[in-house]
């Protein structure tokens, strides 16, 4: 059986061993067939950064993300 594609990073977030991309970004990009637009962030709608289900991810601007999470400023 092959090893896991993911390695655990800061705060329990998962990252692709090969590309270094977060599991959230990888899931979103694979689902949408294109990269997350440059300069945009992925927001976890339910606030759980470990829930990388595509339906829980929303593309937002850094400004929008800072309004949702003021500590990101």
Protein backbone atom coordinates (compact mmCIF):
# COMPACT_ATOMS: atom_id res chain seq x y z
CA UNK A 1 0.00 0.00 0.00
CA UNK A 2 1.39 3.39 -0.98
CA UNK A 3 2.03 6.07 1.66
CA UNK A 4 -0.26 9.01 2.16
CA UNK A 5 -0.16 11.90 -0.30
CA UNK A 6 -0.49 14.34 2.61
CA UNK A 7 1.79 15.58 5.34
CA UNK A 8 0.48 17.40 8.41
CA UNK A 9 1.53 20.99 8.82
CA UNK A 10 0.86 23.83 11.21
CA UNK A 11 -2.47 23.65 13.01
CA UNK A 12 -3.21 20.18 11.65
CA UNK A 13 -3.59 21.41 8.07
CA UNK A 14 -2.62 18.92 5.39
CA UNK A 15 -0.20 19.60 2.53
CA UNK A 16 0.58 17.63 -0.63
CA UNK A 17 4.04 16.08 -0.26
CA UNK A 18 4.81 16.58 -3.96
CA UNK A 19 3.46 20.08 -4.68
CA UNK A 20 3.47 21.65 -1.22
CA UNK A 21 -0.08 22.93 -1.83
CA UNK A 22 -2.63 22.71 0.94
CA UNK A 23 -5.23 19.97 0.74
CA UNK A 24 -7.91 22.67 0.58
CA UNK A 25 -6.29 24.32 -2.46
CA UNK A 26 -5.66 20.96 -4.13
CA UNK A 27 -9.28 19.86 -3.58
CA UNK A 28 -10.67 23.16 -4.89
CA UNK A 29 -8.41 23.20 -7.96
CA UNK A 30 -9.06 19.55 -8.84
CA UNK A 31 -12.82 20.09 -8.48
CA UNK A 32 -12.90 23.29 -10.55
CA UNK A 33 -10.28 22.26 -13.12
CA UNK A 34 -8.33 25.50 -12.71
CA UNK A 35 -6.09 27.16 -10.15
CA UNK A 36 -7.36 29.46 -7.43
CA UNK A 37 -7.15 32.93 -9.02
CA UNK A 38 -3.93 34.81 -8.22
CA UNK A 39 -4.17 36.95 -5.12
CA UNK A 40 -7.27 35.17 -3.82
CA UNK A 41 -7.66 33.19 -0.60
CA UNK A 42 -9.68 30.08 0.20
CA UNK A 43 -12.02 30.54 3.14
CA UNK A 44 -13.34 27.58 5.14
CA UNK A 45 -17.03 28.45 5.40
CA UNK A 46 -17.67 26.45 8.59
CA UNK A 47 -14.55 27.88 10.27
CA UNK A 48 -12.92 24.44 10.51
CA UNK A 49 -9.59 24.64 8.68
CA UNK A 50 -9.40 20.84 8.69
CA UNK A 51 -12.66 20.51 6.72
CA UNK A 52 -11.29 20.71 3.18
CA UNK A 53 -14.47 19.51 1.45
CA UNK A 54 -15.01 21.50 -1.74
CA UNK A 55 -18.47 22.62 -0.62
CA UNK A 56 -16.84 24.16 2.49
CA UNK A 57 -14.39 26.30 0.48
CA UNK A 58 -15.08 29.80 -0.81
CA UNK A 59 -12.75 31.95 -2.91
CA UNK A 60 -12.44 35.43 -1.41
CA UNK A 61 -10.20 38.46 -1.73
CA UNK A 62 -7.68 39.12 1.03
CA UNK A 63 -9.82 42.09 2.10
CA UNK A 64 -12.96 39.94 2.34
CA UNK A 65 -11.02 37.31 4.27
CA UNK A 66 -9.71 39.94 6.71
CA UNK A 67 -13.30 41.09 7.37
CA UNK A 68 -14.30 37.48 8.16
CA UNK A 69 -11.16 36.86 10.25
CA UNK A 70 -9.88 40.19 11.60
CA UNK A 71 -6.80 38.50 13.10
CA UNK A 72 -5.51 37.86 9.54
CA UNK A 73 -4.76 41.56 9.06
